[in-house]
């Protein structure tokens, strides 16, 4: 007896294709889920690392800010010490100024000029005196401007004729003058103080 299969051949192929399709879809879904999970885990790991780096950077930035504050405080202290040092140096210079001033005036006053009054106001000295001639006053002013290390910018305020009576009835024609002179610090002191510092 001959058996004939009456089931349609095409229906069988469709079932197989459907099964293969669903298996492929399920496999693709599993692969996609695996990839998403791996990407999520990678992103989580990278985020954790970045947070730890940010925390480290925050700590280091805090340290640097503290060091910057310390440096600013040190600079302020250095400036304060420098200003104190300048004040002490100015006091030492001012202490020697009257002696040097009298020395310079005595050295640069020519013959025939007699100083009668010396007054100092800050860095300006007013000198009054008597001279035999006007040329002597000019020489005194020239000496103060060119040859002096402590005197600078001499300025003649006034000069006038004065008849002074000497012994008996003799009268001499002299000139009363008044001049202003500025005081300057000599430049040789700065280099001179450097070798002294090296020796100590």
N, C-alpha and C. Protein backbone atom coordinates (compact mmCIF):
# COMPACT_ATOMS: atom_id res chain seq x y z
N UNK A 1 0.85 -1.15 0.00
CA UNK A 1 0.00 0.00 0.00
C UNK A 1 0.91 1.23 0.00
N UNK A 2 0.56 2.20 -0.78
CA UNK A 2 1.37 3.41 -0.99
C UNK A 2 0.76 4.53 -0.16
N UNK A 3 1.73 5.20 0.73
CA UNK A 3 1.29 6.31 1.58
C UNK A 3 1.69 7.63 0.90
N UNK A 4 0.75 8.51 0.79
CA UNK A 4 1.01 9.81 0.17
C UNK A 4 0.78 10.90 1.24
N UNK A 5 1.81 11.71 1.38
CA UNK A 5 1.73 12.83 2.35
C UNK A 5 0.93 13.96 1.70
N UNK A 6 -0.15 14.30 2.33
CA UNK A 6 -1.03 15.30 1.78
C UNK A 6 -0.78 16.71 2.34
N UNK A 7 0.19 16.83 3.36
CA UNK A 7 0.47 18.16 3.93
C UNK A 7 1.16 19.03 2.89
N UNK A 8 0.82 20.25 2.84
CA UNK A 8 1.46 21.12 1.83
C UNK A 8 2.93 21.37 2.14
N UNK A 9 3.68 21.36 1.16
CA UNK A 9 5.14 21.54 1.28
C UNK A 9 5.50 22.98 1.65
N UNK A 10 4.79 23.93 1.16
CA UNK A 10 5.09 25.36 1.42
C UNK A 10 4.83 25.76 2.87
N UNK A 11 3.84 25.15 3.48
CA UNK A 11 3.51 25.46 4.87
C UNK A 11 4.67 25.09 5.78
N UNK A 12 5.31 24.00 5.49
CA UNK A 12 6.46 23.54 6.27
C UNK A 12 7.60 24.56 6.18
N UNK A 13 7.85 25.06 4.99
CA UNK A 13 8.94 26.03 4.81
C UNK A 13 8.66 27.32 5.57
N UNK A 14 7.39 27.75 5.57
CA UNK A 14 7.03 28.97 6.29
C UNK A 14 7.28 28.82 7.79
N UNK A 15 6.90 27.66 8.35
CA UNK A 15 7.14 27.43 9.76
C UNK A 15 8.62 27.49 10.10
N UNK A 16 9.42 26.88 9.24
CA UNK A 16 10.87 26.88 9.49
C UNK A 16 11.44 28.31 9.46
N UNK A 17 10.95 29.08 8.46
CA UNK A 17 11.43 30.46 8.35
C UNK A 17 11.03 31.29 9.57
N UNK A 18 9.76 31.05 10.03
CA UNK A 18 9.31 31.78 11.22
C UNK A 18 10.18 31.43 12.43
N UNK A 19 10.45 30.16 12.60
CA UNK A 19 11.28 29.73 13.74
C UNK A 19 12.69 30.35 13.65
N UNK A 20 13.26 30.31 12.43
CA UNK A 20 14.61 30.88 12.25
C UNK A 20 14.58 32.39 12.53
N UNK A 21 13.50 33.07 12.11
CA UNK A 21 13.40 34.51 12.33
C UNK A 21 13.35 34.83 13.82
N UNK A 22 12.47 34.09 14.55
CA UNK A 22 12.33 34.35 15.98
C UNK A 22 13.61 34.04 16.75
N UNK A 23 14.27 32.97 16.31
CA UNK A 23 15.57 32.64 16.94
C UNK A 23 16.57 33.76 16.68
N UNK A 24 16.60 34.29 15.46
CA UNK A 24 17.51 35.41 15.14
C UNK A 24 17.18 36.66 15.93
N UNK A 25 15.85 36.93 16.05
CA UNK A 25 15.44 38.12 16.82
C UNK A 25 15.85 37.97 18.28
N UNK A 26 15.62 36.77 18.83
CA UNK A 26 15.99 36.55 20.24
C UNK A 26 17.50 36.67 20.42
N UNK A 27 18.26 36.11 19.49
CA UNK A 27 19.72 36.20 19.59
C UNK A 27 20.19 37.65 19.49
N UNK A 28 19.59 38.41 18.54
CA UNK A 28 19.94 39.83 18.39
C UNK A 28 19.60 40.62 19.65
N UNK A 29 18.42 40.29 20.24
CA UNK A 29 18.03 40.99 21.48
C UNK A 29 19.01 40.70 22.60
N UNK A 30 19.43 39.42 22.70
CA UNK A 30 20.41 39.07 23.73
C UNK A 30 21.74 39.80 23.50
N UNK A 31 22.19 39.82 22.23
CA UNK A 31 23.45 40.50 21.93
C UNK A 31 23.33 41.99 22.22
N UNK A 32 22.19 42.61 21.82
CA UNK A 32 21.98 44.04 22.09
C UNK A 32 21.96 44.33 23.58
N UNK A 33 21.25 43.47 24.34
CA UNK A 33 21.21 43.67 25.80
C UNK A 33 22.60 43.55 26.40
N UNK A 34 23.38 42.60 25.88
CA UNK A 34 24.76 42.46 26.38
C UNK A 34 25.60 43.70 26.09
N UNK A 35 25.43 44.19 24.84
CA UNK A 35 26.20 45.40 24.48
C UNK A 35 25.79 46.60 25.34
N UNK A 36 24.48 46.79 25.55
CA UNK A 36 23.99 47.90 26.38
C UNK A 36 24.51 47.77 27.80
N UNK A 37 24.45 46.52 28.33
CA UNK A 37 24.96 46.31 29.70
C UNK A 37 26.45 46.63 29.80
N UNK A 38 27.22 46.17 28.77
CA UNK A 38 28.66 46.44 28.77
C UNK A 38 28.94 47.94 28.68
N UNK A 39 28.16 48.64 27.80
CA UNK A 39 28.34 50.08 27.66
C UNK A 39 27.99 50.79 28.96
N UNK A 40 26.90 50.35 29.63
CA UNK A 40 26.49 50.98 30.89
C UNK A 40 27.57 50.79 31.96
N UNK A 41 28.10 49.56 32.02
CA UNK A 41 29.15 49.29 33.00
C UNK A 41 30.41 50.11 32.70
N UNK A 42 30.74 50.23 31.41
CA UNK A 42 31.93 51.03 31.04
C UNK A 42 31.73 52.49 31.40
N UNK A 43 30.55 53.02 31.09
CA UNK A 43 30.26 54.42 31.44
C UNK A 43 30.28 54.64 32.95
N UNK A 44 29.73 53.68 33.70
CA UNK A 44 29.76 53.79 35.16
C UNK A 44 31.18 53.80 35.69
N UNK A 45 32.02 52.92 35.11
CA UNK A 45 33.42 52.87 35.53
C UNK A 45 34.14 54.18 35.20
N UNK A 46 33.92 54.68 33.96
CA UNK A 46 34.56 55.94 33.57
C UNK A 46 34.07 57.12 34.44
N UNK A 47 32.76 57.11 34.76
CA UNK A 47 32.22 58.17 35.61
C UNK A 47 32.84 58.13 37.00
N UNK A 48 33.00 56.92 37.54
CA UNK A 48 33.61 56.79 38.86
C UNK A 48 35.06 57.28 38.84
N UNK A 49 35.78 56.89 37.78
CA UNK A 49 37.17 57.35 37.67
C UNK A 49 37.25 58.87 37.54
N UNK A 50 36.34 59.46 36.74
CA UNK A 50 36.34 60.91 36.55
C UNK A 50 36.00 61.63 37.86
N UNK A 51 35.09 61.06 38.63
CA UNK A 51 34.76 61.66 39.92
C UNK A 51 35.95 61.62 40.88
N UNK A 52 36.65 60.48 40.85
CA UNK A 52 37.84 60.39 41.73
C UNK A 52 38.90 61.38 41.28
N UNK A 53 39.05 61.56 39.96
CA UNK A 53 40.00 62.56 39.47
C UNK A 53 39.58 63.97 39.87
N UNK A 54 38.27 64.26 39.74
CA UNK A 54 37.77 65.57 40.14
C UNK A 54 38.00 65.83 41.62
N UNK A 55 37.76 64.79 42.45
CA UNK A 55 38.01 64.95 43.88
C UNK A 55 39.49 65.22 44.15
N UNK A 56 40.35 64.47 43.44
CA UNK A 56 41.80 64.68 43.62
C UNK A 56 42.20 66.10 43.20
N UNK A 57 41.66 66.53 42.04
CA UNK A 57 41.96 67.89 41.58
C UNK A 57 41.44 68.94 42.56
N UNK A 58 40.25 68.70 43.12
CA UNK A 58 39.71 69.65 44.10
C UNK A 58 40.61 69.76 45.32
N UNK A 59 41.11 68.61 45.80
CA UNK A 59 42.03 68.63 46.95
C UNK A 59 43.30 69.39 46.61
N UNK A 60 43.86 69.10 45.43
CA UNK A 60 45.10 69.77 45.02
C UNK A 60 44.89 71.27 44.82
N UNK A 61 43.73 71.64 44.25
CA UNK A 61 43.44 73.07 44.06
C UNK A 61 43.32 73.76 45.42
N UNK A 62 42.70 73.08 46.40
CA UNK A 62 42.63 73.65 47.74
C UNK A 62 44.02 73.87 48.34
N UNK A 63 44.91 72.88 48.14
CA UNK A 63 46.29 73.03 48.64
C UNK A 63 46.98 74.21 47.96
N UNK A 64 46.82 74.29 46.62
CA UNK A 64 47.45 75.39 45.90
C UNK A 64 46.91 76.75 46.34
N UNK A 65 45.60 76.82 46.58
CA UNK A 65 45.03 78.10 47.04
C UNK A 65 45.59 78.48 48.41
N UNK A 66 45.77 77.47 49.28
CA UNK A 66 46.38 77.75 50.59
C UNK A 66 47.81 78.23 50.42
N UNK A 67 48.56 77.59 49.50
CA UNK A 67 49.94 78.01 49.26
C UNK A 67 49.99 79.43 48.67
N UNK A 68 49.02 79.74 47.77
CA UNK A 68 48.98 81.09 47.18
C UNK A 68 48.72 82.12 48.26
N UNK A 69 47.81 81.80 49.21
CA UNK A 69 47.56 82.73 50.32
C UNK A 69 48.82 82.91 51.16
N UNK A 70 49.53 81.79 51.41
CA UNK A 70 50.77 81.90 52.18
C UNK A 70 51.79 82.77 51.46
N UNK A 71 51.88 82.59 50.12
CA UNK A 71 52.84 83.39 49.34
C UNK A 71 52.45 84.87 49.39
N UNK A 72 51.15 85.15 49.28
CA UNK A 72 50.70 86.55 49.35
C UNK A 72 51.03 87.15 50.71
N UNK A 73 50.82 86.36 51.79
CA UNK A 73 51.17 86.85 53.12
C UNK A 73 52.67 87.08 53.25
N UNK A 74 53.46 86.15 52.68
CA UNK A 74 54.92 86.31 52.73
C UNK A 74 55.36 87.56 51.96
N UNK A 75 54.72 87.80 50.81
CA UNK A 75 55.08 89.01 50.04
C UNK A 75 54.75 90.27 50.83
N UNK A 76 53.58 90.26 51.49
CA UNK A 76 53.22 91.43 52.30
C UNK A 76 54.22 91.63 53.44
N UNK A 77 54.65 90.52 54.07
CA UNK A 77 55.64 90.63 55.15
C UNK A 77 56.98 91.14 54.61
N UNK A 78 57.36 90.65 53.42
CA UNK A 78 58.62 91.11 52.82
C UNK A 78 58.57 92.60 52.52
N UNK A 79 57.43 93.06 51.95
CA UNK A 79 57.29 94.49 51.67
C UNK A 79 57.34 95.32 52.95
N UNK A 80 56.70 94.80 54.03
CA UNK A 80 56.73 95.52 55.30
C UNK A 80 58.16 95.60 55.83
N UNK A 81 58.90 94.47 55.71
CA UNK A 81 60.29 94.48 56.18
C UNK A 81 61.15 95.42 55.35
N UNK A 82 60.90 95.45 54.03
CA UNK A 82 61.66 96.37 53.17
C UNK A 82 61.39 97.83 53.53
N UNK A 83 60.11 98.13 53.80
CA UNK A 83 59.79 99.52 54.16
C UNK A 83 60.43 99.88 55.49
N UNK A 84 60.46 98.93 56.44
CA UNK A 84 61.16 99.20 57.71
C UNK A 84 62.64 99.41 57.49
N UNK A 85 63.22 98.57 56.61
CA UNK A 85 64.65 98.72 56.33
C UNK A 85 64.94 100.08 55.70
N UNK A 86 64.06 100.51 54.76
CA UNK A 86 64.25 101.83 54.15
C UNK A 86 64.14 102.94 55.18
N UNK A 87 63.18 102.78 56.12
CA UNK A 87 63.02 103.79 57.16
C UNK A 87 64.26 103.88 58.03
N UNK A 88 64.84 102.72 58.39
CA UNK A 88 66.05 102.72 59.22
C UNK A 88 67.22 103.33 58.45
N UNK A 89 67.34 102.99 57.16
CA UNK A 89 68.43 103.57 56.35
C UNK A 89 68.26 105.09 56.23
N UNK A 90 67.00 105.54 56.05
CA UNK A 90 66.77 106.98 55.96
C UNK A 90 67.13 107.67 57.27
N UNK A 91 66.80 107.02 58.39
CA UNK A 91 67.16 107.61 59.69
C UNK A 91 68.67 107.71 59.86
N UNK A 92 69.38 106.65 59.43
CA UNK A 92 70.84 106.69 59.54
C UNK A 92 71.42 107.78 58.65
N UNK A 93 70.87 107.92 57.44
CA UNK A 93 71.36 108.96 56.55
C UNK A 93 71.06 110.35 57.11
N UNK A 94 69.82 110.51 57.62
CA UNK A 94 69.45 111.82 58.18
C UNK A 94 70.27 112.17 59.40
N UNK A 95 70.72 111.17 60.15
CA UNK A 95 71.52 111.44 61.33
C UNK A 95 72.88 112.03 60.95
N UNK A 96 73.43 111.58 59.82
CA UNK A 96 74.74 112.07 59.38
C UNK A 96 74.65 113.32 58.52
N UNK A 97 73.44 113.68 58.10
CA UNK A 97 73.29 114.79 57.16
C UNK A 97 73.80 116.12 57.70
N UNK A 98 73.47 116.53 58.93
CA UNK A 98 73.96 117.84 59.40
C UNK A 98 75.48 117.95 59.41
N UNK A 99 76.15 116.88 59.82
CA UNK A 99 77.62 116.90 59.84
C UNK A 99 78.17 117.04 58.43
N UNK A 100 77.63 116.24 57.51
CA UNK A 100 78.10 116.29 56.12
C UNK A 100 77.78 117.65 55.50
N UNK A 101 76.61 118.20 55.84
CA UNK A 101 76.21 119.50 55.30
C UNK A 101 77.20 120.59 55.72
N UNK A 102 77.52 120.65 57.01
CA UNK A 102 78.48 121.66 57.49
C UNK A 102 79.85 121.43 56.87
N UNK A 103 80.23 120.18 56.73
CA UNK A 103 81.51 119.85 56.09
C UNK A 103 81.56 120.38 54.67
N UNK A 104 80.49 120.10 53.90
CA UNK A 104 80.46 120.53 52.50
C UNK A 104 80.44 122.05 52.38
N UNK A 105 79.65 122.71 53.23
CA UNK A 105 79.61 124.17 53.16
C UNK A 105 80.97 124.78 53.49
N UNK A 106 81.64 124.23 54.48
CA UNK A 106 82.97 124.75 54.84
C UNK A 106 83.97 124.51 53.71
N UNK A 107 83.85 123.36 53.05
CA UNK A 107 84.81 123.03 52.00
C UNK A 107 84.62 123.87 50.74
N UNK A 108 83.37 124.20 50.42
CA UNK A 108 83.09 124.88 49.15
C UNK A 108 82.84 126.38 49.30
N UNK A 109 82.99 126.89 50.50
CA UNK A 109 82.87 128.34 50.68
C UNK A 109 84.22 128.99 50.36
N UNK A 110 84.28 129.84 49.33
CA UNK A 110 85.58 130.44 48.96
C UNK A 110 85.99 131.55 49.94
N UNK A 111 87.23 131.98 49.78
CA UNK A 111 87.71 133.10 50.61
C UNK A 111 86.92 134.35 50.28
N UNK A 112 86.67 135.15 51.31
CA UNK A 112 85.91 136.38 51.11
C UNK A 112 84.42 136.19 51.26
N UNK A 113 83.97 134.96 51.59
CA UNK A 113 82.55 134.69 51.84
C UNK A 113 82.43 134.19 53.27
N UNK A 114 81.54 134.79 54.03
CA UNK A 114 81.34 134.43 55.43
C UNK A 114 79.86 134.09 55.63
N UNK A 115 79.61 132.87 56.07
CA UNK A 115 78.22 132.43 56.29
C UNK A 115 77.80 132.85 57.68
N UNK A 116 76.65 133.50 57.77
CA UNK A 116 76.15 133.98 59.06
C UNK A 116 74.98 133.17 59.59
N UNK A 117 74.27 132.45 58.72
CA UNK A 117 73.11 131.68 59.17
C UNK A 117 72.88 130.50 58.23
N UNK A 118 72.55 129.36 58.83
CA UNK A 118 72.22 128.14 58.06
C UNK A 118 70.96 127.56 58.67
N UNK A 119 69.90 127.43 57.85
CA UNK A 119 68.64 126.87 58.32
C UNK A 119 68.21 125.75 57.36
N UNK A 120 67.82 124.61 57.95
CA UNK A 120 67.39 123.48 57.14
C UNK A 120 65.91 123.22 57.36
N UNK A 121 65.18 123.06 56.27
CA UNK A 121 63.77 122.67 56.31
C UNK A 121 63.60 121.50 55.35
N UNK A 122 63.47 120.31 55.91
CA UNK A 122 63.38 119.07 55.13
C UNK A 122 64.67 118.90 54.32
N UNK A 123 64.59 118.95 53.00
CA UNK A 123 65.79 118.74 52.16
C UNK A 123 66.30 120.04 51.55
N UNK A 124 65.84 121.17 52.05
CA UNK A 124 66.26 122.47 51.52
C UNK A 124 66.95 123.24 52.64
N UNK A 125 68.12 123.79 52.32
CA UNK A 125 68.90 124.57 53.29
C UNK A 125 68.95 126.02 52.81
N UNK A 126 68.62 126.94 53.71
CA UNK A 126 68.72 128.37 53.41
C UNK A 126 69.99 128.90 54.06
N UNK A 127 70.86 129.48 53.24
CA UNK A 127 72.15 129.99 53.70
C UNK A 127 72.17 131.50 53.52
N UNK A 128 72.52 132.22 54.56
CA UNK A 128 72.71 133.66 54.45
C UNK A 128 74.15 133.98 54.86
N UNK A 129 74.69 135.03 54.25
CA UNK A 129 76.08 135.37 54.56
C UNK A 129 76.47 136.71 53.98
N UNK A 130 77.75 137.00 54.13
CA UNK A 130 78.33 138.25 53.64
C UNK A 130 79.50 137.90 52.74
N UNK A 131 79.61 138.61 51.61
CA UNK A 131 80.71 138.38 50.66
C UNK A 131 81.36 139.70 50.32
N UNK A 132 82.66 139.61 50.00
CA UNK A 132 83.39 140.83 49.64
C UNK A 132 82.96 141.34 48.27
N UNK A 133 82.71 140.41 47.36
CA UNK A 133 82.27 140.81 46.01
C UNK A 133 81.17 139.88 45.53
N UNK A 134 80.51 140.30 44.49
CA UNK A 134 79.47 139.44 43.90
C UNK A 134 80.08 138.21 43.24
N UNK A 135 81.32 138.35 42.75
CA UNK A 135 81.99 137.22 42.12
C UNK A 135 82.22 136.09 43.11
N UNK A 136 82.47 136.45 44.39
CA UNK A 136 82.66 135.43 45.42
C UNK A 136 81.36 134.64 45.64
N UNK A 137 80.24 135.33 45.60
CA UNK A 137 78.95 134.65 45.74
C UNK A 137 78.72 133.70 44.56
N UNK A 138 79.06 134.17 43.36
CA UNK A 138 78.92 133.32 42.18
C UNK A 138 79.80 132.09 42.29
N UNK A 139 81.02 132.26 42.78
CA UNK A 139 81.94 131.13 42.96
C UNK A 139 81.38 130.13 43.97
N UNK A 140 80.80 130.65 45.04
CA UNK A 140 80.20 129.77 46.05
C UNK A 140 79.06 128.94 45.45
N UNK A 141 78.22 129.59 44.65
CA UNK A 141 77.11 128.86 44.02
C UNK A 141 77.61 127.85 43.01
N UNK A 142 78.68 128.21 42.26
CA UNK A 142 79.26 127.26 41.29
C UNK A 142 79.81 126.04 42.01
N UNK A 143 80.55 126.27 43.10
CA UNK A 143 81.11 125.15 43.86
C UNK A 143 80.02 124.23 44.38
N UNK A 144 78.93 124.81 44.85
CA UNK A 144 77.84 124.00 45.40
C UNK A 144 77.15 123.17 44.33
N UNK A 145 77.11 123.67 43.11
CA UNK A 145 76.40 122.94 42.05
C UNK A 145 77.28 121.92 41.34
N UNK A 146 78.60 122.17 41.25
CA UNK A 146 79.45 121.30 40.43
C UNK A 146 80.31 120.35 41.24
N UNK A 147 80.86 120.81 42.33
CA UNK A 147 81.89 120.04 43.02
C UNK A 147 81.41 119.34 44.28
N UNK A 148 80.15 119.49 44.64
CA UNK A 148 79.68 118.94 45.92
C UNK A 148 78.91 117.65 45.70
N UNK A 149 79.13 116.69 46.61
CA UNK A 149 78.38 115.43 46.56
C UNK A 149 77.10 115.50 47.37
N UNK A 150 76.97 116.48 48.24
CA UNK A 150 75.80 116.59 49.11
C UNK A 150 74.89 117.77 48.76
N UNK A 151 75.42 118.76 48.05
CA UNK A 151 74.64 119.96 47.73
C UNK A 151 74.23 119.93 46.27
N UNK A 152 73.03 120.43 46.00
CA UNK A 152 72.49 120.37 44.64
C UNK A 152 71.54 121.55 44.42
N UNK A 153 71.46 122.00 43.17
CA UNK A 153 70.55 123.06 42.73
C UNK A 153 70.60 124.31 43.61
N UNK A 154 71.75 124.96 43.70
CA UNK A 154 71.80 126.22 44.47
C UNK A 154 71.01 127.31 43.76
N UNK A 155 70.30 128.10 44.55
CA UNK A 155 69.44 129.15 43.98
C UNK A 155 69.64 130.42 44.81
N UNK A 156 70.09 131.48 44.14
CA UNK A 156 70.31 132.76 44.82
C UNK A 156 68.97 133.44 45.03
N UNK A 157 68.62 133.69 46.31
CA UNK A 157 67.35 134.32 46.62
C UNK A 157 67.48 135.84 46.47
N UNK A 158 68.50 136.43 47.12
CA UNK A 158 68.71 137.87 46.98
C UNK A 158 70.15 138.20 47.33
N UNK A 159 70.60 139.30 46.80
CA UNK A 159 71.91 139.85 47.13
C UNK A 159 71.76 141.38 47.16
N UNK A 160 72.32 141.99 48.20
CA UNK A 160 72.18 143.45 48.32
C UNK A 160 73.45 144.04 48.93
N UNK A 161 73.66 145.29 48.64
CA UNK A 161 74.84 146.01 49.13
C UNK A 161 74.65 146.35 50.60
N UNK A 162 75.71 146.14 51.38
CA UNK A 162 75.67 146.44 52.82
C UNK A 162 76.96 147.16 53.20
N UNK A 163 76.83 148.34 53.75
CA UNK A 163 77.99 149.10 54.24
C UNK A 163 78.18 148.79 55.72
N UNK A 164 79.27 148.12 56.04
CA UNK A 164 79.55 147.77 57.42
C UNK A 164 80.69 148.62 57.94
N UNK A 165 80.52 149.12 59.16
CA UNK A 165 81.55 149.93 59.78
C UNK A 165 82.47 149.03 60.59
N UNK A 166 83.77 149.13 60.31
CA UNK A 166 84.76 148.35 61.06
C UNK A 166 85.32 149.24 62.17
N UNK A 167 86.49 148.90 62.64
CA UNK A 167 87.09 149.67 63.74
C UNK A 167 87.32 151.11 63.30
N UNK A 168 86.95 152.03 64.15
CA UNK A 168 87.12 153.45 63.82
C UNK A 168 86.02 153.94 62.90
N UNK A 169 86.44 154.70 61.89
CA UNK A 169 85.46 155.28 60.97
C UNK A 169 85.45 154.58 59.61
N UNK A 170 86.22 153.49 59.48
CA UNK A 170 86.31 152.81 58.18
C UNK A 170 85.00 152.09 57.87
N UNK A 171 84.58 152.25 56.63
CA UNK A 171 83.39 151.53 56.15
C UNK A 171 83.81 150.65 54.97
N UNK A 172 83.28 149.42 55.00
CA UNK A 172 83.57 148.49 53.90
C UNK A 172 82.30 148.22 53.13
N UNK A 173 82.47 148.15 51.82
CA UNK A 173 81.33 147.79 50.97
C UNK A 173 81.31 146.27 50.84
N UNK A 174 80.33 145.67 51.43
CA UNK A 174 80.16 144.21 51.36
C UNK A 174 78.77 143.90 50.79
N UNK A 175 78.57 142.63 50.50
CA UNK A 175 77.30 142.20 49.90
C UNK A 175 76.66 141.14 50.81
N UNK A 176 75.45 141.42 51.22
CA UNK A 176 74.68 140.42 51.95
C UNK A 176 73.91 139.58 50.94
N UNK A 177 73.92 138.27 51.14
CA UNK A 177 73.23 137.40 50.19
C UNK A 177 72.46 136.33 50.95
N UNK A 178 71.49 135.76 50.26
CA UNK A 178 70.71 134.64 50.77
C UNK A 178 70.52 133.66 49.62
N UNK A 179 70.76 132.39 49.90
CA UNK A 179 70.65 131.36 48.85
C UNK A 179 70.00 130.12 49.43
N UNK A 180 69.35 129.35 48.55
CA UNK A 180 68.76 128.07 48.94
C UNK A 180 69.49 126.95 48.20
N UNK A 181 69.78 125.89 48.94
CA UNK A 181 70.50 124.74 48.37
C UNK A 181 69.75 123.47 48.77
N UNK A 182 69.61 122.55 47.82
CA UNK A 182 68.97 121.26 48.11
C UNK A 182 70.04 120.27 48.57
N UNK A 183 69.61 119.35 49.43
CA UNK A 183 70.50 118.30 49.93
C UNK A 183 70.24 117.03 49.13
N UNK A 184 71.31 116.40 48.69
CA UNK A 184 71.17 115.13 47.98
C UNK A 184 72.04 114.08 48.67
N UNK A 185 71.68 112.83 48.48
CA UNK A 185 72.48 111.74 49.03
C UNK A 185 73.55 111.38 48.01
N UNK A 186 74.80 111.33 48.42
CA UNK A 186 75.85 111.02 47.44
C UNK A 186 75.73 109.62 46.90
N UNK A 187 76.09 109.46 45.62
CA UNK A 187 75.93 108.17 44.96
C UNK A 187 76.98 107.16 45.37
N UNK A 188 78.06 107.61 45.95
CA UNK A 188 79.13 106.66 46.29
C UNK A 188 78.77 105.80 47.49
N UNK A 189 77.71 106.17 48.27
CA UNK A 189 77.37 105.41 49.46
C UNK A 189 76.79 104.05 49.13
N UNK A 190 76.00 103.95 48.04
CA UNK A 190 75.39 102.67 47.69
C UNK A 190 76.42 101.63 47.33
N UNK A 191 77.43 101.92 46.44
CA UNK A 191 78.43 100.91 46.18
C UNK A 191 79.32 100.64 47.40
N UNK A 192 79.54 101.66 48.24
CA UNK A 192 80.43 101.46 49.38
C UNK A 192 79.82 100.52 50.40
N UNK A 193 78.47 100.52 50.51
CA UNK A 193 77.84 99.68 51.51
C UNK A 193 77.81 98.22 51.08
N UNK A 194 77.87 97.93 49.75
CA UNK A 194 77.83 96.57 49.27
C UNK A 194 79.05 95.75 49.67
N UNK A 195 80.32 96.26 49.47
CA UNK A 195 81.46 95.47 49.91
C UNK A 195 81.47 95.27 51.41
N UNK A 196 81.01 96.28 52.18
CA UNK A 196 80.99 96.13 53.63
C UNK A 196 80.07 94.97 54.00
N UNK A 197 78.95 94.83 53.30
CA UNK A 197 78.04 93.72 53.57
C UNK A 197 78.67 92.39 53.25
N UNK A 198 79.51 92.36 52.19
CA UNK A 198 80.14 91.09 51.84
C UNK A 198 81.17 90.68 52.87
N UNK A 199 81.90 91.68 53.41
CA UNK A 199 82.93 91.34 54.40
C UNK A 199 82.31 90.76 55.65
N UNK A 200 81.15 91.34 56.06
CA UNK A 200 80.52 90.84 57.28
C UNK A 200 80.00 89.44 56.99
